[in-house]
Amino acid sequence: MEATVRSCRAFFKDLNAVADHIHKVAYWEKESDKVSTRLQRAVFSRDDIRLSHKMHLRFFVKQIDRIADDAEDVTDRLNVYVIKRML
């Protein structure tokens, strides 16, 4: 999220710095995908947790991963705005 906020702020101050922040957001989104996959696998591989609790934990992991996806969507739109503004 921090890189998303920084990229939005850079949009108004320094258009050249926006690309660096957008790359950071993309990197962290990929990392969050990896972590969420590992976490879901770890939860479902445990035998001491009931299936209903596993499903609940999976829901929370997906919601957190969705935040990262939304941040990437914002920076994708911001990238388009940067291109339009440079024209």
PDB file of N, CA and C in Angstrom:
ATOM      1  N   MET A   1       0.814  -1.197   0.000  1.00  0.00           N
ATOM      2  CA  MET A   1       0.000   0.000   0.000  1.00  0.00           C
ATOM      3  C   MET A   1       0.856   1.259   0.000  1.00  0.00           C
ATOM      4  N   GLU A   2       1.974   1.195   0.699  1.00  0.00           N
ATOM      5  CA  GLU A   2       2.819   2.386   0.797  1.00  0.00           C
ATOM      6  C   GLU A   2       3.325   2.812  -0.578  1.00  0.00           C
ATOM      7  N   ALA A   3       3.721   1.847  -1.379  1.00  0.00           N
ATOM      8  CA  ALA A   3       4.213   2.184  -2.716  1.00  0.00           C
ATOM      9  C   ALA A   3       3.103   2.748  -3.587  1.00  0.00           C
ATOM     10  N   THR A   4       1.882   2.304  -3.369  1.00  0.00           N
ATOM     11  CA  THR A   4       0.741   2.848  -4.122  1.00  0.00           C
ATOM     12  C   THR A   4       0.523   4.312  -3.768  1.00  0.00           C
ATOM     13  N   VAL A   5       0.571   4.613  -2.483  1.00  0.00           N
ATOM     14  CA  VAL A   5       0.397   6.000  -2.047  1.00  0.00           C
ATOM     15  C   VAL A   5       1.523   6.866  -2.586  1.00  0.00           C
ATOM     16  N   ARG A   6       2.737   6.358  -2.528  1.00  0.00           N
ATOM     17  CA  ARG A   6       3.879   7.136  -3.041  1.00  0.00           C
ATOM     18  C   ARG A   6       3.774   7.371  -4.546  1.00  0.00           C
ATOM     19  N   SER A   7       3.277   6.368  -5.274  1.00  0.00           N
ATOM     20  CA  SER A   7       3.137   6.559  -6.723  1.00  0.00           C
ATOM     21  C   SER A   7       2.062   7.603  -7.028  1.00  0.00           C
ATOM     22  N   CYS A   8       0.995   7.616  -6.240  1.00  0.00           N
ATOM     23  CA  CYS A   8      -0.052   8.631  -6.445  1.00  0.00           C
ATOM     24  C   CYS A   8       0.468  10.026  -6.123  1.00  0.00           C
ATOM     25  N   ARG A   9       1.257  10.138  -5.084  1.00  0.00           N
ATOM     26  CA  ARG A   9       1.833  11.444  -4.742  1.00  0.00           C
ATOM     27  C   ARG A   9       2.837  11.898  -5.793  1.00  0.00           C
ATOM     28  N   ALA A  10       3.610  10.939  -6.306  1.00  0.00           N
ATOM     29  CA  ALA A  10       4.596  11.287  -7.330  1.00  0.00           C
ATOM     30  C   ALA A  10       3.931  11.725  -8.618  1.00  0.00           C
ATOM     31  N   PHE A  11       2.721  11.260  -8.866  1.00  0.00           N
ATOM     32  CA  PHE A  11       1.990  11.648 -10.069  1.00  0.00           C
ATOM     33  C   PHE A  11       1.824  13.165 -10.133  1.00  0.00           C
ATOM     34  N   PHE A  12       1.645  13.801  -8.985  1.00  0.00           N
ATOM     35  CA  PHE A  12       1.443  15.247  -8.954  1.00  0.00           C
ATOM     36  C   PHE A  12       2.743  16.031  -8.831  1.00  0.00           C
ATOM     37  N   LYS A  13       3.832  15.375  -8.432  1.00  0.00           N
ATOM     38  CA  LYS A  13       5.088  16.087  -8.215  1.00  0.00           C
ATOM     39  C   LYS A  13       6.150  15.761  -9.259  1.00  0.00           C
ATOM     40  N   ASP A  14       6.355  14.466  -9.531  1.00  0.00           N
ATOM     41  CA  ASP A  14       7.428  14.054 -10.422  1.00  0.00           C
ATOM     42  C   ASP A  14       6.976  12.828 -11.216  1.00  0.00           C
ATOM     43  N   LEU A  15       6.592  13.053 -12.460  1.00  0.00           N
ATOM     44  CA  LEU A  15       6.080  11.949 -13.276  1.00  0.00           C
ATOM     45  C   LEU A  15       7.120  10.865 -13.528  1.00  0.00           C
ATOM     46  N   ASN A  16       8.385  11.233 -13.542  1.00  0.00           N
ATOM     47  CA  ASN A  16       9.431  10.249 -13.801  1.00  0.00           C
ATOM     48  C   ASN A  16       9.593   9.264 -12.647  1.00  0.00           C
ATOM     49  N   ALA A  17       9.237   9.667 -11.443  1.00  0.00           N
ATOM     50  CA  ALA A  17       9.370   8.788 -10.282  1.00  0.00           C
ATOM     51  C   ALA A  17       8.209   7.807 -10.157  1.00  0.00           C
ATOM     52  N   VAL A  18       7.134   8.043 -10.871  1.00  0.00           N
ATOM     53  CA  VAL A  18       5.956   7.178 -10.764  1.00  0.00           C
ATOM     54  C   VAL A  18       6.287   5.759 -11.201  1.00  0.00           C
ATOM     55  N   ALA A  19       7.052   5.610 -12.251  1.00  0.00           N
ATOM     56  CA  ALA A  19       7.374   4.276 -12.775  1.00  0.00           C
ATOM     57  C   ALA A  19       8.091   3.423 -11.736  1.00  0.00           C
ATOM     58  N   ASP A  20       9.003   4.019 -10.980  1.00  0.00           N
ATOM     59  CA  ASP A  20       9.713   3.263  -9.948  1.00  0.00           C
ATOM     60  C   ASP A  20       8.751   2.731  -8.893  1.00  0.00           C
ATOM     61  N   HIS A  21       7.828   3.565  -8.481  1.00  0.00           N
ATOM     62  CA  HIS A  21       6.870   3.149  -7.468  1.00  0.00           C
ATOM     63  C   HIS A  21       5.901   2.094  -8.009  1.00  0.00           C
ATOM     64  N   ILE A  22       5.544   2.219  -9.269  1.00  0.00           N
ATOM     65  CA  ILE A  22       4.656   1.225  -9.878  1.00  0.00           C
ATOM     66  C   ILE A  22       5.331  -0.135  -9.939  1.00  0.00           C
ATOM     67  N   HIS A  23       6.617  -0.152 -10.230  1.00  0.00           N
ATOM     68  CA  HIS A  23       7.355  -1.420 -10.248  1.00  0.00           C
ATOM     69  C   HIS A  23       7.391  -2.053  -8.861  1.00  0.00           C
ATOM     70  N   LYS A  24       7.518  -1.218  -7.839  1.00  0.00           N
ATOM     71  CA  LYS A  24       7.516  -1.735  -6.467  1.00  0.00           C
ATOM     72  C   LYS A  24       6.170  -2.361  -6.124  1.00  0.00           C
ATOM     73  N   VAL A  25       5.087  -1.723  -6.544  1.00  0.00           N
ATOM     74  CA  VAL A  25       3.754  -2.267  -6.274  1.00  0.00           C
ATOM     75  C   VAL A  25       3.595  -3.623  -6.969  1.00  0.00           C
ATOM     76  N   ALA A  26       4.035  -3.715  -8.201  1.00  0.00           N
ATOM     77  CA  ALA A  26       3.927  -4.981  -8.934  1.00  0.00           C
ATOM     78  C   ALA A  26       4.743  -6.074  -8.243  1.00  0.00           C
ATOM     79  N   TYR A  27       5.927  -5.713  -7.772  1.00  0.00           N
ATOM     80  CA  TYR A  27       6.771  -6.689  -7.066  1.00  0.00           C
ATOM     81  C   TYR A  27       6.077  -7.185  -5.801  1.00  0.00           C
ATOM     82  N   TRP A  28       5.561  -6.261  -5.000  1.00  0.00           N
ATOM     83  CA  TRP A  28       4.925  -6.649  -3.739  1.00  0.00           C
ATOM     84  C   TRP A  28       3.623  -7.403  -3.967  1.00  0.00           C
ATOM     85  N   GLU A  29       2.945  -7.140  -5.052  1.00  0.00           N
ATOM     86  CA  GLU A  29       1.731  -7.897  -5.356  1.00  0.00           C
ATOM     87  C   GLU A  29       2.081  -9.342  -5.677  1.00  0.00           C
ATOM     88  N   LYS A  30       3.148  -9.542  -6.440  1.00  0.00           N
ATOM     89  CA  LYS A  30       3.595 -10.905  -6.743  1.00  0.00           C
ATOM     90  C   LYS A  30       4.008 -11.633  -5.472  1.00  0.00           C
ATOM     91  N   GLU A  31       4.698 -10.922  -4.592  1.00  0.00           N
ATOM     92  CA  GLU A  31       5.108 -11.523  -3.324  1.00  0.00           C
ATOM     93  C   GLU A  31       3.899 -11.891  -2.467  1.00  0.00           C
ATOM     94  N   SER A  32       2.888 -11.051  -2.449  1.00  0.00           N
ATOM     95  CA  SER A  32       1.689 -11.361  -1.655  1.00  0.00           C
ATOM     96  C   SER A  32       0.963 -12.577  -2.232  1.00  0.00           C
ATOM     97  N   ASP A  33       0.985 -12.739  -3.552  1.00  0.00           N
ATOM     98  CA  ASP A  33       0.394 -13.935  -4.161  1.00  0.00           C
ATOM     99  C   ASP A  33       1.128 -15.194  -3.691  1.00  0.00           C
ATOM    100  N   LYS A  34       2.447 -15.115  -3.670  1.00  0.00           N
ATOM    101  CA  LYS A  34       3.234 -16.270  -3.225  1.00  0.00           C
ATOM    102  C   LYS A  34       2.954 -16.598  -1.766  1.00  0.00           C
ATOM    103  N   VAL A  35       2.913 -15.578  -0.932  1.00  0.00           N
ATOM    104  CA  VAL A  35       2.681 -15.785   0.493  1.00  0.00           C
ATOM    105  C   VAL A  35       1.281 -16.344   0.739  1.00  0.00           C
ATOM    106  N   SER A  36       0.290 -15.799   0.052  1.00  0.00           N
ATOM    107  CA  SER A  36      -1.081 -16.286   0.255  1.00  0.00           C
ATOM    108  C   SER A  36      -1.211 -17.741  -0.178  1.00  0.00           C
ATOM    109  N   THR A  37      -0.547 -18.122  -1.255  1.00  0.00           N
ATOM    110  CA  THR A  37      -0.594 -19.515  -1.702  1.00  0.00           C
ATOM    111  C   THR A  37       0.062 -20.428  -0.672  1.00  0.00           C
ATOM    112  N   ARG A  38       1.226 -20.021  -0.176  1.00  0.00           N
ATOM    113  CA  ARG A  38       1.910 -20.837   0.845  1.00  0.00           C
ATOM    114  C   ARG A  38       1.075 -20.945   2.114  1.00  0.00           C
ATOM    115  N   LEU A  39       0.456 -19.836   2.506  1.00  0.00           N
ATOM    116  CA  LEU A  39      -0.353 -19.827   3.722  1.00  0.00           C
ATOM    117  C   LEU A  39      -1.578 -20.727   3.580  1.00  0.00           C
ATOM    118  N   GLN A  40      -2.229 -20.678   2.440  1.00  0.00           N
ATOM    119  CA  GLN A  40      -3.389 -21.539   2.221  1.00  0.00           C
ATOM    120  C   GLN A  40      -2.988 -23.015   2.224  1.00  0.00           C
ATOM    121  N   ARG A  41      -1.859 -23.305   1.602  1.00  0.00           N
ATOM    122  CA  ARG A  41      -1.380 -24.696   1.606  1.00  0.00           C
ATOM    123  C   ARG A  41      -1.056 -25.159   3.017  1.00  0.00           C
ATOM    124  N   ALA A  42      -0.446 -24.278   3.796  1.00  0.00           N
ATOM    125  CA  ALA A  42      -0.091 -24.637   5.179  1.00  0.00           C
ATOM    126  C   ALA A  42      -1.343 -24.867   6.020  1.00  0.00           C
ATOM    127  N   VAL A  43      -2.347 -24.025   5.822  1.00  0.00           N
ATOM    128  CA  VAL A  43      -3.588 -24.177   6.595  1.00  0.00           C
ATOM    129  C   VAL A  43      -4.274 -25.484   6.250  1.00  0.00           C
ATOM    130  N   PHE A  44      -4.387 -25.795   4.974  1.00  0.00           N
ATOM    131  CA  PHE A  44      -5.109 -26.993   4.579  1.00  0.00           C
ATOM    132  C   PHE A  44      -4.308 -28.274   4.784  1.00  0.00           C
ATOM    133  N   SER A  45      -3.018 -28.166   4.997  1.00  0.00           N
ATOM    134  CA  SER A  45      -2.225 -29.373   5.255  1.00  0.00           C
ATOM    135  C   SER A  45      -2.285 -29.792   6.726  1.00  0.00           C
ATOM    136  N   ARG A  46      -2.765 -28.931   7.596  1.00  0.00           N
ATOM    137  CA  ARG A  46      -2.850 -29.251   9.029  1.00  0.00           C
ATOM    138  C   ARG A  46      -4.070 -30.115   9.311  1.00  0.00           C
ATOM    139  N   ASP A  47      -3.886 -31.077  10.186  1.00  0.00           N
ATOM    140  CA  ASP A  47      -4.979 -31.969  10.553  1.00  0.00           C
ATOM    141  C   ASP A  47      -5.665 -31.565  11.854  1.00  0.00           C
ATOM    142  N   ASP A  48      -5.063 -30.646  12.593  1.00  0.00           N
ATOM    143  CA  ASP A  48      -5.624 -30.277  13.891  1.00  0.00           C
ATOM    144  C   ASP A  48      -6.655 -29.148  13.803  1.00  0.00           C
ATOM    145  N   ILE A  49      -6.940 -28.672  12.598  1.00  0.00           N
ATOM    146  CA  ILE A  49      -7.915 -27.599  12.406  1.00  0.00           C
ATOM    147  C   ILE A  49      -9.124 -28.180  11.672  1.00  0.00           C
ATOM    148  N   ARG A  50     -10.309 -27.841  12.150  1.00  0.00           N
ATOM    149  CA  ARG A  50     -11.530 -28.322  11.491  1.00  0.00           C
ATOM    150  C   ARG A  50     -11.670 -27.670  10.120  1.00  0.00           C
ATOM    151  N   LEU A  51     -12.374 -28.356   9.237  1.00  0.00           N
ATOM    152  CA  LEU A  51     -12.541 -27.866   7.864  1.00  0.00           C
ATOM    153  C   LEU A  51     -13.223 -26.505   7.838  1.00  0.00           C
ATOM    154  N   SER A  52     -14.190 -26.295   8.695  1.00  0.00           N
ATOM    155  CA  SER A  52     -14.878 -25.003   8.723  1.00  0.00           C
ATOM    156  C   SER A  52     -13.914 -23.874   9.088  1.00  0.00           C
ATOM    157  N   HIS A  53     -12.994 -24.140   9.990  1.00  0.00           N
ATOM    158  CA  HIS A  53     -11.995 -23.127  10.352  1.00  0.00           C
ATOM    159  C   HIS A  53     -10.999 -22.907   9.218  1.00  0.00           C
ATOM    160  N   LYS A  54     -10.677 -23.980   8.524  1.00  0.00           N
ATOM    161  CA  LYS A  54      -9.777 -23.851   7.381  1.00  0.00           C
ATOM    162  C   LYS A  54     -10.403 -22.964   6.304  1.00  0.00           C
ATOM    163  N   MET A  55     -11.681 -23.169   6.060  1.00  0.00           N
ATOM    164  CA  MET A  55     -12.371 -22.356   5.065  1.00  0.00           C
ATOM    165  C   MET A  55     -12.415 -20.893   5.492  1.00  0.00           C
ATOM    166  N   HIS A  56     -12.609 -20.672   6.778  1.00  0.00           N
ATOM    167  CA  HIS A  56     -12.630 -19.312   7.311  1.00  0.00           C
ATOM    168  C   HIS A  56     -11.270 -18.637   7.150  1.00  0.00           C
ATOM    169  N   LEU A  57     -10.215 -19.361   7.472  1.00  0.00           N
ATOM    170  CA  LEU A  57      -8.867 -18.813   7.313  1.00  0.00           C
ATOM    171  C   LEU A  57      -8.544 -18.539   5.849  1.00  0.00           C
ATOM    172  N   ARG A  58      -9.003 -19.432   4.972  1.00  0.00           N
ATOM    173  CA  ARG A  58      -8.780 -19.212   3.544  1.00  0.00           C
ATOM    174  C   ARG A  58      -9.470 -17.933   3.079  1.00  0.00           C
ATOM    175  N   PHE A  59     -10.669 -17.682   3.594  1.00  0.00           N
ATOM    176  CA  PHE A  59     -11.400 -16.463   3.254  1.00  0.00           C
ATOM    177  C   PHE A  59     -10.604 -15.227   3.674  1.00  0.00           C
ATOM    178  N   PHE A  60     -10.057 -15.239   4.881  1.00  0.00           N
ATOM    179  CA  PHE A  60      -9.269 -14.093   5.346  1.00  0.00           C
ATOM    180  C   PHE A  60      -8.011 -13.885   4.509  1.00  0.00           C
ATOM    181  N   VAL A  61      -7.354 -14.969   4.143  1.00  0.00           N
ATOM    182  CA  VAL A  61      -6.155 -14.868   3.311  1.00  0.00           C
ATOM    183  C   VAL A  61      -6.508 -14.281   1.948  1.00  0.00           C
ATOM    184  N   LYS A  62      -7.617 -14.717   1.384  1.00  0.00           N
ATOM    185  CA  LYS A  62      -8.033 -14.192   0.082  1.00  0.00           C
ATOM    186  C   LYS A  62      -8.393 -12.712   0.155  1.00  0.00           C
ATOM    187  N   GLN A  63      -8.991 -12.298   1.257  1.00  0.00           N
ATOM    188  CA  GLN A  63      -9.337 -10.882   1.412  1.00  0.00           C
ATOM    189  C   GLN A  63      -8.082 -10.020   1.500  1.00  0.00           C
ATOM    190  N   ILE A  64      -7.097 -10.489   2.219  1.00  0.00           N
ATOM    191  CA  ILE A  64      -5.837  -9.746   2.320  1.00  0.00           C
ATOM    192  C   ILE A  64      -5.141  -9.700   0.962  1.00  0.00           C
ATOM    193  N   ASP A  65      -5.174 -10.808   0.247  1.00  0.00           N
ATOM    194  CA  ASP A  65      -4.574 -10.844  -1.085  1.00  0.00           C
ATOM    195  C   ASP A  65      -5.316  -9.916  -2.034  1.00  0.00           C
ATOM    196  N   ARG A  66      -6.610  -9.766  -1.837  1.00  0.00           N
ATOM    197  CA  ARG A  66      -7.404  -8.864  -2.675  1.00  0.00           C
ATOM    198  C   ARG A  66      -6.971  -7.409  -2.512  1.00  0.00           C
ATOM    199  N   ILE A  67      -6.529  -7.050  -1.322  1.00  0.00           N
ATOM    200  CA  ILE A  67      -6.028  -5.692  -1.095  1.00  0.00           C
ATOM    201  C   ILE A  67      -4.827  -5.427  -1.993  1.00  0.00           C
ATOM    202  N   ALA A  68      -3.924  -6.395  -2.062  1.00  0.00           N
ATOM    203  CA  ALA A  68      -2.752  -6.248  -2.935  1.00  0.00           C
ATOM    204  C   ALA A  68      -3.170  -6.170  -4.401  1.00  0.00           C
ATOM    205  N   ASP A  69      -4.154  -6.956  -4.793  1.00  0.00           N
ATOM    206  CA  ASP A  69      -4.645  -6.901  -6.170  1.00  0.00           C
ATOM    207  C   ASP A  69      -5.269  -5.542  -6.484  1.00  0.00           C
ATOM    208  N   ASP A  70      -6.015  -5.003  -5.532  1.00  0.00           N
ATOM    209  CA  ASP A  70      -6.619  -3.680  -5.731  1.00  0.00           C
ATOM    210  C   ASP A  70      -5.561  -2.594  -5.842  1.00  0.00           C
ATOM    211  N   ALA A  71      -4.503  -2.706  -5.049  1.00  0.00           N
ATOM    212  CA  ALA A  71      -3.407  -1.734  -5.125  1.00  0.00           C
ATOM    213  C   ALA A  71      -2.751  -1.792  -6.502  1.00  0.00           C
ATOM    214  N   GLU A  72      -2.590  -2.991  -7.027  1.00  0.00           N
ATOM    215  CA  GLU A  72      -2.004  -3.116  -8.359  1.00  0.00           C
ATOM    216  C   GLU A  72      -2.942  -2.537  -9.420  1.00  0.00           C
ATOM    217  N   ASP A  73      -4.232  -2.736  -9.257  1.00  0.00           N
ATOM    218  CA  ASP A  73      -5.203  -2.161 -10.204  1.00  0.00           C
ATOM    219  C   ASP A  73      -5.124  -0.633 -10.205  1.00  0.00           C
ATOM    220  N   VAL A  74      -4.966  -0.053  -9.029  1.00  0.00           N
ATOM    221  CA  VAL A  74      -4.842   1.411  -8.932  1.00  0.00           C
ATOM    222  C   VAL A  74      -3.605   1.886  -9.681  1.00  0.00           C
ATOM    223  N   THR A  75      -2.497   1.203  -9.488  1.00  0.00           N
ATOM    224  CA  THR A  75      -1.266   1.640 -10.167  1.00  0.00           C
ATOM    225  C   THR A  75      -1.327   1.390 -11.668  1.00  0.00           C
ATOM    226  N   ASP A  76      -2.069   0.363 -12.088  1.00  0.00           N
ATOM    227  CA  ASP A  76      -2.255   0.157 -13.532  1.00  0.00           C
ATOM    228  C   ASP A  76      -2.996   1.344 -14.152  1.00  0.00           C
ATOM    229  N   ARG A  77      -4.050   1.788 -13.470  1.00  0.00           N
ATOM    230  CA  ARG A  77      -4.783   2.959 -13.960  1.00  0.00           C
ATOM    231  C   ARG A  77      -3.913   4.207 -13.907  1.00  0.00           C
ATOM    232  N   LEU A  78      -3.126   4.317 -12.851  1.00  0.00           N
ATOM    233  CA  LEU A  78      -2.242   5.467 -12.705  1.00  0.00           C
ATOM    234  C   LEU A  78      -1.212   5.497 -13.833  1.00  0.00           C
ATOM    235  N   ASN A  79      -0.750   4.344 -14.233  1.00  0.00           N
ATOM    236  CA  ASN A  79       0.208   4.264 -15.335  1.00  0.00           C
ATOM    237  C   ASN A  79      -0.402   4.808 -16.625  1.00  0.00           C
ATOM    238  N   VAL A  80      -1.661   4.511 -16.867  1.00  0.00           N
ATOM    239  CA  VAL A  80      -2.355   5.036 -18.048  1.00  0.00           C
ATOM    240  C   VAL A  80      -2.466   6.555 -17.956  1.00  0.00           C
ATOM    241  N   TYR A  81      -2.778   7.051 -16.755  1.00  0.00           N
ATOM    242  CA  TYR A  81      -2.900   8.498 -16.566  1.00  0.00           C
ATOM    243  C   TYR A  81      -1.559   9.198 -16.793  1.00  0.00           C
ATOM    244  N   VAL A  82      -0.488   8.559 -16.392  1.00  0.00           N
ATOM    245  CA  VAL A  82       0.845   9.148 -16.606  1.00  0.00           C
ATOM    246  C   VAL A  82       1.124   9.267 -18.093  1.00  0.00           C
ATOM    247  N   ILE A  83       0.800   8.213 -18.831  1.00  0.00           N
ATOM    248  CA  ILE A  83       1.016   8.247 -20.285  1.00  0.00           C
ATOM    249  C   ILE A  83       0.190   9.362 -20.920  1.00  0.00           C
ATOM    250  N   LYS A  84      -1.058   9.483 -20.515  1.00  0.00           N
ATOM    251  CA  LYS A  84      -1.916  10.533 -21.071  1.00  0.00           C
ATOM    252  C   LYS A  84      -1.401  11.919 -20.709  1.00  0.00           C
ATOM    253  N   ARG A  85      -0.905  12.067 -19.508  1.00  0.00           N
ATOM    254  CA  ARG A  85      -0.428  13.376 -19.063  1.00  0.00           C
ATOM    255  C   ARG A  85       0.860  13.788 -19.779  1.00  0.00           C
ATOM    256  N   MET A  86       1.678  12.811 -20.148  1.00  0.00           N
ATOM    257  CA  MET A  86       2.928  13.122 -20.846  1.00  0.00           C
ATOM    258  C   MET A  86       2.686  13.547 -22.292  1.00  0.00           C
ATOM    259  N   LEU A  87       1.528  13.181 -22.835  1.00  0.00           N
ATOM    260  CA  LEU A  87       1.245  13.552 -24.232  1.00  0.00           C
ATOM    261  C   LEU A  87       0.909  14.975 -24.314  1.00  0.00           C
TER     262      LEU A  87
END
